[in-house]
Protein backbone atom coordinates (compact mmCIF):
# COMPACT_ATOMS: atom_id res chain seq x y z
CA UNK A 1 95.27 -0.71 -68.30
CA UNK A 2 92.84 -1.67 -70.48
CA UNK A 3 91.56 -5.34 -69.98
CA UNK A 4 91.37 -5.30 -73.44
CA UNK A 5 94.66 -4.73 -73.79
CA UNK A 6 95.70 -6.44 -70.29
CA UNK A 7 94.09 -9.42 -69.86
CA UNK A 8 94.42 -11.09 -73.41
CA UNK A 9 98.28 -10.58 -72.56
CA UNK A 10 98.36 -12.31 -68.97
CA UNK A 11 96.01 -15.05 -70.03
CA UNK A 12 98.84 -15.54 -73.00
CA UNK A 13 100.78 -16.41 -69.48
CA UNK A 14 99.01 -18.71 -68.79
CA UNK A 15 100.98 -22.29 -68.51
CA UNK A 16 104.09 -19.90 -67.69
CA UNK A 17 106.07 -22.71 -65.06
CA UNK A 18 107.58 -20.28 -63.32
CA UNK A 19 105.25 -20.14 -60.16
CA UNK A 20 106.94 -16.84 -59.46
CA UNK A 21 106.09 -14.88 -62.30
CA UNK A 22 102.47 -17.03 -62.06
CA UNK A 23 101.13 -15.93 -58.98
CA UNK A 24 101.34 -12.01 -60.07
CA UNK A 25 99.54 -12.67 -63.44
CA UNK A 26 97.71 -14.78 -61.51
CA UNK A 27 96.94 -11.70 -59.20
CA UNK A 28 97.30 -8.92 -61.93
CA UNK A 29 94.08 -11.70 -63.64
CA UNK A 30 92.05 -11.69 -60.06
CA UNK A 31 91.39 -7.64 -59.96
CA UNK A 32 89.30 -7.92 -63.27
CA UNK A 33 87.02 -9.45 -60.93
CA UNK A 34 84.00 -9.87 -62.97
CA UNK A 35 85.08 -8.18 -65.55
CA UNK A 36 87.44 -11.33 -66.60
CA UNK A 37 85.18 -13.74 -66.91
CA UNK A 38 84.20 -14.03 -70.69
CA UNK A 39 87.54 -13.30 -72.18
CA UNK A 40 88.74 -16.52 -69.77
CA UNK A 41 85.56 -18.27 -70.69
CA UNK A 42 86.59 -17.62 -74.51
CA UNK A 43 89.93 -18.47 -73.86
CA UNK A 44 89.37 -21.98 -71.79
CA UNK A 45 87.14 -22.68 -75.21
CA UNK A 46 89.75 -21.78 -77.52
CA UNK A 47 93.08 -23.42 -75.93
CA UNK A 48 94.00 -27.47 -76.09
CA UNK A 49 96.89 -26.63 -73.40
CA UNK A 50 95.98 -28.85 -69.98
CA UNK A 51 97.45 -26.62 -67.73
CA UNK A 52 96.42 -23.47 -69.28
CA UNK A 53 92.35 -25.05 -69.24
CA UNK A 54 92.76 -26.05 -65.25
CA UNK A 55 94.31 -22.59 -64.40
CA UNK A 56 91.40 -20.87 -66.15
CA UNK A 57 88.89 -22.72 -63.64
CA UNK A 58 90.00 -22.11 -60.70
CA UNK A 59 90.42 -18.33 -61.94
CA UNK A 60 86.58 -18.79 -62.42
CA UNK A 61 86.03 -20.35 -59.78
CA UNK A 62 88.22 -17.99 -57.18
CA UNK A 63 86.14 -14.96 -59.09
CA UNK A 64 82.67 -16.34 -59.15
CA UNK A 65 83.62 -16.48 -55.20
CA UNK A 66 84.94 -12.93 -54.79
CA UNK A 67 81.85 -12.34 -56.61
CA UNK A 68 79.42 -14.07 -54.54
CA UNK A 69 80.73 -12.62 -51.29
CA UNK A 70 81.10 -9.12 -52.17
CA UNK A 71 77.23 -9.34 -53.71
CA UNK A 72 76.29 -11.12 -50.33
CA UNK A 73 77.31 -8.55 -47.92
CA UNK A 74 75.10 -6.15 -50.29
CA UNK A 75 72.60 -8.29 -50.39
CA UNK A 76 72.94 -8.53 -45.88
CA UNK A 77 73.06 -4.36 -45.63
CA UNK A 78 69.90 -3.99 -47.21
CA UNK A 79 67.26 -2.79 -45.91
CA UNK A 80 64.93 -5.58 -48.21
CA UNK A 81 66.63 -8.55 -47.85
CA UNK A 82 64.82 -10.26 -50.19
CA UNK A 83 64.76 -13.54 -49.89
CA UNK A 84 64.33 -15.18 -53.46
CA UNK A 85 67.09 -12.38 -54.20
CA UNK A 86 68.94 -13.83 -51.20
CA UNK A 87 68.60 -18.22 -52.40
CA UNK A 88 69.78 -16.89 -56.07
CA UNK A 89 72.77 -16.56 -54.82
CA UNK A 90 73.86 -18.88 -52.94
CA UNK A 91 72.53 -20.90 -55.73
CA UNK A 92 74.91 -19.52 -58.03
CA UNK A 93 77.99 -20.73 -55.69
CA UNK A 94 77.86 -24.16 -57.01
CA UNK A 95 76.11 -22.56 -61.17
CA UNK A 96 78.25 -20.19 -62.19
CA UNK A 97 75.57 -19.26 -65.33
CA UNK A 98 72.60 -19.55 -63.25
CA UNK A 99 69.77 -18.28 -65.59
CA UNK A 100 67.74 -16.33 -62.65
CA UNK A 101 65.27 -14.94 -65.38
CA UNK A 102 64.40 -18.82 -65.93
CA UNK A 103 64.27 -19.73 -62.07
CA UNK A 104 62.40 -16.72 -61.80
CA UNK A 105 59.87 -17.46 -64.24
CA UNK A 106 59.14 -21.35 -62.65
CA UNK A 107 58.57 -19.46 -59.24
CA UNK A 108 55.79 -16.96 -61.43
CA UNK A 109 53.82 -19.95 -62.75
CA UNK A 110 53.39 -21.54 -59.82
CA UNK A 111 52.22 -18.36 -58.10
CA UNK A 112 49.91 -17.79 -61.19
CA UNK A 113 48.24 -21.02 -59.96
CA UNK A 114 47.68 -20.85 -57.09
CA UNK A 115 46.63 -17.38 -57.46
CA UNK A 116 43.53 -18.49 -60.02
CA UNK A 117 42.31 -20.38 -56.91
CA UNK A 118 42.39 -17.78 -53.78
CA UNK A 119 39.48 -15.36 -53.55
CA UNK A 120 38.97 -12.61 -50.56
CA UNK A 121 36.04 -15.16 -49.31
CA UNK A 122 38.36 -17.87 -48.39
CA UNK A 123 39.56 -18.63 -44.51
CA UNK A 124 43.44 -17.99 -43.84
CA UNK A 125 43.11 -22.38 -43.58
CA UNK A 126 41.46 -22.39 -46.92
CA UNK A 127 44.45 -20.61 -48.60
CA UNK A 128 46.60 -23.30 -47.26
CA UNK A 129 44.87 -26.23 -48.21
CA UNK A 130 45.03 -23.88 -52.05
CA UNK A 131 48.71 -23.95 -52.03
CA UNK A 132 48.78 -27.23 -51.10
CA UNK A 133 47.47 -27.88 -53.73
CA UNK A 134 49.11 -26.48 -56.02
CA UNK A 135 52.06 -27.02 -54.92
CA UNK A 136 52.33 -30.65 -54.01
CA UNK A 137 49.53 -32.43 -55.92
CA UNK A 138 49.79 -30.36 -59.26
CA UNK A 139 53.19 -29.23 -59.43
CA UNK A 140 54.26 -32.30 -57.45
CA UNK A 141 56.85 -30.68 -54.85
CA UNK A 142 57.99 -33.71 -52.11
CA UNK A 143 60.24 -34.16 -48.96
CA UNK A 144 63.53 -35.92 -50.21
CA UNK A 145 63.40 -38.48 -47.43
CA UNK A 146 65.34 -40.66 -49.14
CA UNK A 147 68.63 -38.62 -49.50
CA UNK A 148 68.33 -36.50 -47.38
CA UNK A 149 72.06 -34.98 -47.02
CA UNK A 150 71.90 -34.26 -50.51
CA UNK A 151 74.19 -30.51 -51.90
CA UNK A 152 70.94 -30.29 -54.29
CA UNK A 153 68.55 -30.15 -51.89
CA UNK A 154 69.60 -26.44 -51.20
CA UNK A 155 69.58 -24.78 -53.76
CA UNK A 156 66.82 -23.80 -55.26
CA UNK A 157 67.35 -23.93 -59.18
CA UNK A 158 67.69 -27.48 -58.14
CA UNK A 159 64.33 -27.47 -56.28
CA UNK A 160 62.41 -26.56 -58.80
CA UNK A 161 63.91 -28.84 -61.31
CA UNK A 162 63.89 -32.39 -59.02
CA UNK A 163 60.78 -30.81 -57.54
CA UNK A 164 62.62 -32.24 -54.40
CA UNK A 165 63.83 -30.72 -51.42
CA UNK A 166 64.33 -30.54 -47.37
CA UNK A 167 62.64 -29.08 -44.71
CA UNK A 168 63.94 -25.08 -45.53
CA UNK A 169 64.19 -25.25 -49.09
CA UNK A 170 60.14 -25.94 -49.45
CA UNK A 171 59.30 -23.94 -47.13
CA UNK A 172 61.32 -20.81 -48.46
CA UNK A 173 59.68 -21.47 -52.10
CA UNK A 174 56.34 -21.27 -49.79
CA UNK A 175 56.63 -18.28 -48.29
CA UNK A 176 58.13 -16.42 -51.53
CA UNK A 177 54.45 -18.05 -52.97
CA UNK A 178 51.92 -16.38 -50.36
CA UNK A 179 54.84 -13.65 -50.60
CA UNK A 180 54.35 -13.01 -54.04
CA UNK A 181 50.81 -13.45 -52.75
CA UNK A 182 50.63 -10.68 -49.78
CA UNK A 183 49.57 -14.32 -47.51
CA UNK A 184 51.67 -13.42 -44.55
CA UNK A 185 53.48 -17.01 -44.34
CA UNK A 186 57.52 -16.40 -43.04
CA UNK A 187 60.32 -18.74 -42.23
CA UNK A 188 60.22 -20.13 -38.11
CA UNK A 189 64.31 -21.14 -36.85
CA UNK A 190 63.20 -24.16 -35.25
CA UNK A 191 66.27 -26.53 -34.13
CA UNK A 192 66.54 -29.71 -36.15
CA UNK A 193 64.07 -28.83 -38.13
CA UNK A 194 62.59 -25.79 -40.34
CA UNK A 195 58.63 -24.93 -39.72
CA UNK A 196 56.65 -21.91 -41.23
CA UNK A 197 54.01 -18.97 -39.67
CA UNK A 198 51.12 -18.25 -41.22
CA UNK A 199 50.79 -14.38 -38.96
CA UNK A 200 48.08 -11.86 -38.32
CA UNK A 201 49.87 -8.86 -38.68
CA UNK A 202 51.11 -6.58 -41.50
CA UNK A 203 55.36 -7.31 -40.76
CA UNK A 204 56.92 -10.52 -40.41
CA UNK A 205 58.74 -8.95 -37.41
CA UNK A 206 56.42 -9.79 -34.84
CA UNK A 207 58.01 -10.68 -31.55
CA UNK A 208 54.34 -11.43 -30.40
CA UNK A 209 54.00 -15.40 -30.23
CA UNK A 210 50.00 -14.43 -29.73
CA UNK A 211 50.51 -12.67 -33.13
CA UNK A 212 51.07 -17.01 -35.00
CA UNK A 213 47.95 -18.71 -36.04
CA UNK A 214 49.29 -21.55 -36.82
CA UNK A 215 51.95 -22.57 -38.55
CA UNK A 216 52.73 -25.32 -41.10
CA UNK A 217 54.66 -27.97 -42.55
CA UNK A 218 56.76 -27.71 -45.76
CA UNK A 219 58.26 -30.94 -45.89
CA UNK A 220 55.62 -33.20 -44.65
CA UNK A 221 52.89 -31.73 -47.72
CA UNK A 222 51.95 -28.58 -46.06
CA UNK A 223 49.88 -29.67 -43.08
CA UNK A 224 49.18 -27.49 -40.17
CA UNK A 225 49.98 -27.92 -36.52
CA UNK A 226 49.62 -25.37 -33.49
CA UNK A 227 51.93 -23.68 -30.67
CA UNK A 228 51.67 -26.96 -28.54
CA UNK A 229 53.56 -29.82 -31.39
CA UNK A 230 56.66 -27.23 -31.11
CA UNK A 231 56.42 -27.33 -27.26
CA UNK A 232 56.34 -31.57 -27.87
CA UNK A 233 58.58 -31.49 -30.50
CA UNK A 234 61.53 -29.74 -28.28
CA UNK A 235 60.31 -31.49 -25.46
CA UNK A 236 61.37 -34.33 -27.13
CA UNK A 237 64.81 -33.73 -28.36
CA UNK A 238 65.19 -32.35 -25.56
CA UNK A 239 65.67 -28.47 -25.26
CA UNK A 240 64.12 -25.99 -23.26
CA UNK A 241 61.63 -23.31 -25.49
CA UNK A 242 61.99 -20.00 -26.23
CA UNK A 243 60.57 -17.38 -27.78
CA UNK A 244 62.58 -17.11 -31.25
CA UNK A 245 61.21 -20.72 -31.67
CA UNK A 246 57.47 -19.77 -31.79
CA UNK A 247 57.77 -16.17 -34.36
CA UNK A 248 59.74 -15.67 -37.46
CA UNK A 249 62.88 -15.15 -38.22
CA UNK A 250 65.13 -13.28 -40.87
CA UNK A 251 65.69 -13.89 -43.85
CA UNK A 252 69.65 -13.59 -43.46
CA UNK A 253 68.63 -15.88 -40.64
CA UNK A 254 67.19 -18.30 -43.53
CA UNK A 255 70.01 -18.22 -45.45
CA UNK A 256 72.75 -19.00 -42.70
CA UNK A 257 70.40 -21.69 -42.33
CA UNK A 258 70.30 -22.62 -46.02
CA UNK A 259 74.36 -22.55 -46.05
CA UNK A 260 74.65 -24.55 -42.25
CA UNK A 261 72.65 -27.35 -44.20
CA UNK A 262 75.40 -27.30 -47.80
CA UNK A 263 78.14 -27.41 -45.08
CA UNK A 264 76.58 -30.31 -43.25
CA UNK A 265 75.85 -32.33 -47.26
CA UNK A 266 79.78 -31.20 -47.14
CA UNK A 267 81.25 -31.93 -44.86
CA UNK A 268 79.16 -35.79 -45.41
CA UNK A 269 80.32 -35.51 -49.29
CA UNK A 270 84.64 -34.95 -48.29
CA UNK A 271 84.68 -31.97 -49.97
CA UNK A 272 86.72 -30.08 -47.96
CA UNK A 273 87.43 -26.81 -49.79
CA UNK A 274 83.67 -26.57 -50.33
CA UNK A 275 82.67 -26.11 -46.76
CA UNK A 276 85.43 -23.62 -45.91
CA UNK A 277 84.05 -21.42 -48.69
CA UNK A 278 80.21 -22.05 -47.58
CA UNK A 279 82.28 -21.11 -44.14
CA UNK A 280 83.80 -17.83 -45.07
CA UNK A 281 80.09 -17.07 -47.00
CA UNK A 282 78.76 -17.97 -43.51
CA UNK A 283 80.10 -15.38 -41.31
CA UNK A 284 80.07 -12.65 -44.27
CA UNK A 285 75.82 -12.79 -42.73
CA UNK A 286 76.78 -12.48 -39.36
CA UNK A 287 78.55 -9.90 -39.83
CA UNK A 288 77.01 -6.76 -37.96
CA UNK A 289 75.19 -4.15 -40.11
């Protein structure tokens, strides 16, 4: 049936007291997926009935979650697994009205500021000095150590708005900017931390530790450090070093780590519904191709 004909009729039944009838109405609306969003939002702005408002809000939330699941599954199965696209999807989970183009523009502004300082005659370490100056000094990004477990630290739109993040969100921004400038900086999934590797190879899919020139700690203003310092850190937390502790991880692993951080944050905040939903999204990423 035509959505313009059926959906308004279904929305009028959202105050239906009979739960059996309402569940049928709910399922028929949900079957329209994202096509139902505009009419639901219009109905929400026009109604004064509290039950209808609550039910519309619940439907919009469920429709958005369905959309995120579908798009995340597509992202997982895509060849590119573009990191920014993935981070925007995670942000849309929390902010359905997210202005993705605005975020891309903010990132491009930072990219341009870095690009203006670069030239072909500088070393890798000099490139990092420029990155750090632009990101941390000019644009004012910093580690949120005072409220480390806040969920906002993991959403890229909040990072760009509040200029504060956790190790992985700051590293993700750093890596996205670098890759937009064809500089080979990629994430390393270190236990209890997240860092970056500057590699001496045209592709991030390296398994050779010797391809890594040095490491970068975006959570500490982009300080550069060595492999030995990773060994020392792993020894301190009593973890046996493995090859994957020293080489770039996939973008899918990065998104899993971001979701894990959010699960931990919402668990601390006792928002169990979000914990359950995010765990489902994590399972989408863990499914084999």
